[in-house]
Amino acid sequence: MLFAIISAAICLAAATMMYTPKMRSFSQYRPVGLFFLFEGVWVLADYIIKQMIPDNVFMMIVHYVGLSVIGLYFIFSTVFSSKEIFKGKFRDNGDKKDK
């Protein structure tokens, strides 16, 4: 019990730190903060559910789906935030004239 509370508190503290103005210079502060927020809440919820229903697999499925969604968010935000990779490929700058 103590390990679950300590790890959840550390994850929630890290998530809070990621959303401070000092960390906004880090380009991926949103996905990383969201990851730590998800992990902190999930650890507490998983501990509570495991105490009530020991053979429950629902929280494992929630964890896998949550990590997949956050991972995709991180990948897409990384790819689409770098301006050098997709410069002019997805956005038409209006520089080209139709002939």
C-alpha atoms as a PDB file:
ATOM      1  CA  MET A   1       0.000   0.000   0.000  1.00  0.00           C
ATOM      2  CA  LEU A   2       2.761   2.395   0.900  1.00  0.00           C
ATOM      3  CA  PHE A   3       4.570   1.826  -2.412  1.00  0.00           C
ATOM      4  CA  ALA A   4       1.412   2.534  -4.413  1.00  0.00           C
ATOM      5  CA  ILE A   5       0.776   5.794  -2.563  1.00  0.00           C
ATOM      6  CA  ILE A   6       4.404   6.922  -2.832  1.00  0.00           C
ATOM      7  CA  SER A   7       4.659   6.142  -6.560  1.00  0.00           C
ATOM      8  CA  ALA A   8       1.306   7.824  -7.254  1.00  0.00           C
ATOM      9  CA  ALA A   9       2.408  10.918  -5.330  1.00  0.00           C
ATOM     10  CA  ILE A  10       5.681  11.055  -7.273  1.00  0.00           C
ATOM     11  CA  CYS A  11       3.871  10.684 -10.614  1.00  0.00           C
ATOM     12  CA  LEU A  12       1.324  13.367  -9.717  1.00  0.00           C
ATOM     13  CA  ALA A  13       4.112  15.693  -8.525  1.00  0.00           C
ATOM     14  CA  ALA A  14       5.983  15.161 -11.803  1.00  0.00           C
ATOM     15  CA  ALA A  15       2.785  15.872 -13.762  1.00  0.00           C
ATOM     16  CA  THR A  16       2.275  19.083 -11.800  1.00  0.00           C
ATOM     17  CA  MET A  17       5.856  20.142 -12.437  1.00  0.00           C
ATOM     18  CA  MET A  18       5.469  19.559 -16.176  1.00  0.00           C
ATOM     19  CA  TYR A  19       2.700  22.168 -16.383  1.00  0.00           C
ATOM     20  CA  THR A  20       4.638  24.942 -14.628  1.00  0.00           C
ATOM     21  CA  PRO A  21       5.714  27.945 -16.735  1.00  0.00           C
ATOM     22  CA  LYS A  22       9.384  26.957 -16.361  1.00  0.00           C
ATOM     23  CA  MET A  23       8.790  23.652 -18.174  1.00  0.00           C
ATOM     24  CA  ARG A  24       6.852  25.202 -21.075  1.00  0.00           C
ATOM     25  CA  SER A  25      10.119  25.623 -22.963  1.00  0.00           C
ATOM     26  CA  PHE A  26      10.272  21.816 -23.190  1.00  0.00           C
ATOM     27  CA  SER A  27       8.406  21.045 -26.407  1.00  0.00           C
ATOM     28  CA  GLN A  28       6.842  17.808 -25.158  1.00  0.00           C
ATOM     29  CA  TYR A  29       5.640  18.990 -21.755  1.00  0.00           C
ATOM     30  CA  ARG A  30       1.980  18.189 -22.500  1.00  0.00           C
ATOM     31  CA  PRO A  31       2.357  14.499 -23.463  1.00  0.00           C
ATOM     32  CA  VAL A  32       4.871  13.839 -20.699  1.00  0.00           C
ATOM     33  CA  GLY A  33       2.696  15.614 -18.126  1.00  0.00           C
ATOM     34  CA  LEU A  34      -0.336  13.679 -19.330  1.00  0.00           C
ATOM     35  CA  PHE A  35       1.602  10.416 -19.024  1.00  0.00           C
ATOM     36  CA  PHE A  36       2.584  11.104 -15.411  1.00  0.00           C
ATOM     37  CA  LEU A  37      -0.956  12.208 -14.582  1.00  0.00           C
ATOM     38  CA  PHE A  38      -2.384   9.022 -16.085  1.00  0.00           C
ATOM     39  CA  GLU A  39       0.137   6.815 -14.273  1.00  0.00           C
ATOM     40  CA  GLY A  40      -0.475   8.495 -10.910  1.00  0.00           C
ATOM     41  CA  VAL A  41      -4.249   8.124 -11.142  1.00  0.00           C
ATOM     42  CA  TRP A  42      -3.979   4.617 -12.554  1.00  0.00           C
ATOM     43  CA  VAL A  43      -1.694   3.384  -9.750  1.00  0.00           C
ATOM     44  CA  LEU A  44      -4.146   4.546  -7.090  1.00  0.00           C
ATOM     45  CA  ALA A  45      -7.189   3.190  -8.935  1.00  0.00           C
ATOM     46  CA  ASP A  46      -5.450  -0.121  -9.646  1.00  0.00           C
ATOM     47  CA  TYR A  47      -4.540  -0.556  -5.986  1.00  0.00           C
ATOM     48  CA  ILE A  48      -8.107   0.141  -4.834  1.00  0.00           C
ATOM     49  CA  ILE A  49      -9.667  -2.194  -7.426  1.00  0.00           C
ATOM     50  CA  LYS A  50      -7.146  -4.982  -6.701  1.00  0.00           C
ATOM     51  CA  GLN A  51      -8.021  -4.801  -3.010  1.00  0.00           C
ATOM     52  CA  MET A  52     -11.732  -5.190  -3.757  1.00  0.00           C
ATOM     53  CA  ILE A  53     -11.528  -7.634  -6.698  1.00  0.00           C
ATOM     54  CA  PRO A  54      -8.158  -9.459  -6.794  1.00  0.00           C
ATOM     55  CA  ASP A  55      -8.741 -11.302 -10.099  1.00  0.00           C
ATOM     56  CA  ASN A  56      -9.818  -8.239 -12.076  1.00  0.00           C
ATOM     57  CA  VAL A  57      -8.221  -7.730 -15.501  1.00  0.00           C
ATOM     58  CA  PHE A  58     -10.159  -4.564 -16.318  1.00  0.00           C
ATOM     59  CA  MET A  59      -7.463  -2.275 -14.908  1.00  0.00           C
ATOM     60  CA  MET A  60      -4.810  -4.013 -17.010  1.00  0.00           C
ATOM     61  CA  ILE A  61      -6.868  -3.315 -20.139  1.00  0.00           C
ATOM     62  CA  VAL A  62      -7.356   0.315 -19.060  1.00  0.00           C
ATOM     63  CA  HIS A  63      -3.602   0.633 -18.594  1.00  0.00           C
ATOM     64  CA  TYR A  64      -2.773  -0.813 -22.023  1.00  0.00           C
ATOM     65  CA  VAL A  65      -5.350   1.352 -23.800  1.00  0.00           C
ATOM     66  CA  GLY A  66      -4.292   4.466 -21.887  1.00  0.00           C
ATOM     67  CA  LEU A  67      -0.618   3.938 -22.654  1.00  0.00           C
ATOM     68  CA  SER A  68      -1.414   3.336 -26.319  1.00  0.00           C
ATOM     69  CA  VAL A  69      -3.435   6.548 -26.579  1.00  0.00           C
ATOM     70  CA  ILE A  70      -0.795   8.607 -24.769  1.00  0.00           C
ATOM     71  CA  GLY A  71       1.953   7.016 -26.883  1.00  0.00           C
ATOM     72  CA  LEU A  72       0.136   7.911 -30.096  1.00  0.00           C
ATOM     73  CA  TYR A  73      -0.421  11.440 -28.813  1.00  0.00           C
ATOM     74  CA  PHE A  74       3.302  11.730 -28.079  1.00  0.00           C
ATOM     75  CA  ILE A  75       4.263  10.411 -31.533  1.00  0.00           C
ATOM     76  CA  PHE A  76       1.844  12.677 -33.400  1.00  0.00           C
ATOM     77  CA  SER A  77       2.767  15.738 -31.392  1.00  0.00           C
ATOM     78  CA  THR A  78       6.451  15.052 -32.014  1.00  0.00           C
ATOM     79  CA  VAL A  79       6.044  14.494 -35.730  1.00  0.00           C
ATOM     80  CA  PHE A  80       3.726  17.408 -36.407  1.00  0.00           C
ATOM     81  CA  SER A  81       5.522  19.883 -34.164  1.00  0.00           C
ATOM     82  CA  SER A  82       8.827  19.601 -36.006  1.00  0.00           C
ATOM     83  CA  LYS A  83       8.602  22.110 -38.803  1.00  0.00           C
ATOM     84  CA  GLU A  84      11.573  20.821 -40.756  1.00  0.00           C
ATOM     85  CA  ILE A  85      10.105  17.385 -41.454  1.00  0.00           C
ATOM     86  CA  PHE A  86       6.814  18.367 -43.052  1.00  0.00           C
ATOM     87  CA  LYS A  87       7.648  21.787 -44.416  1.00  0.00           C
ATOM     88  CA  GLY A  88       5.127  22.326 -47.158  1.00  0.00           C
ATOM     89  CA  LYS A  89       4.050  18.686 -47.440  1.00  0.00           C
ATOM     90  CA  PHE A  90       0.705  18.923 -45.647  1.00  0.00           C
ATOM     91  CA  ARG A  91       0.114  22.643 -45.742  1.00  0.00           C
ATOM     92  CA  ASP A  92      -0.088  24.597 -48.955  1.00  0.00           C
ATOM     93  CA  ASN A  93       1.685  27.887 -48.358  1.00  0.00           C
ATOM     94  CA  GLY A  94       0.014  29.525 -51.343  1.00  0.00           C
ATOM     95  CA  ASP A  95       3.347  29.972 -53.099  1.00  0.00           C
ATOM     96  CA  LYS A  96       2.482  27.674 -55.974  1.00  0.00           C
ATOM     97  CA  LYS A  97       0.287  28.909 -58.802  1.00  0.00           C
ATOM     98  CA  ASP A  98      -2.100  26.618 -60.634  1.00  0.00           C
ATOM     99  CA  LYS A  99      -1.216  26.302 -64.316  1.00  0.00           C
END
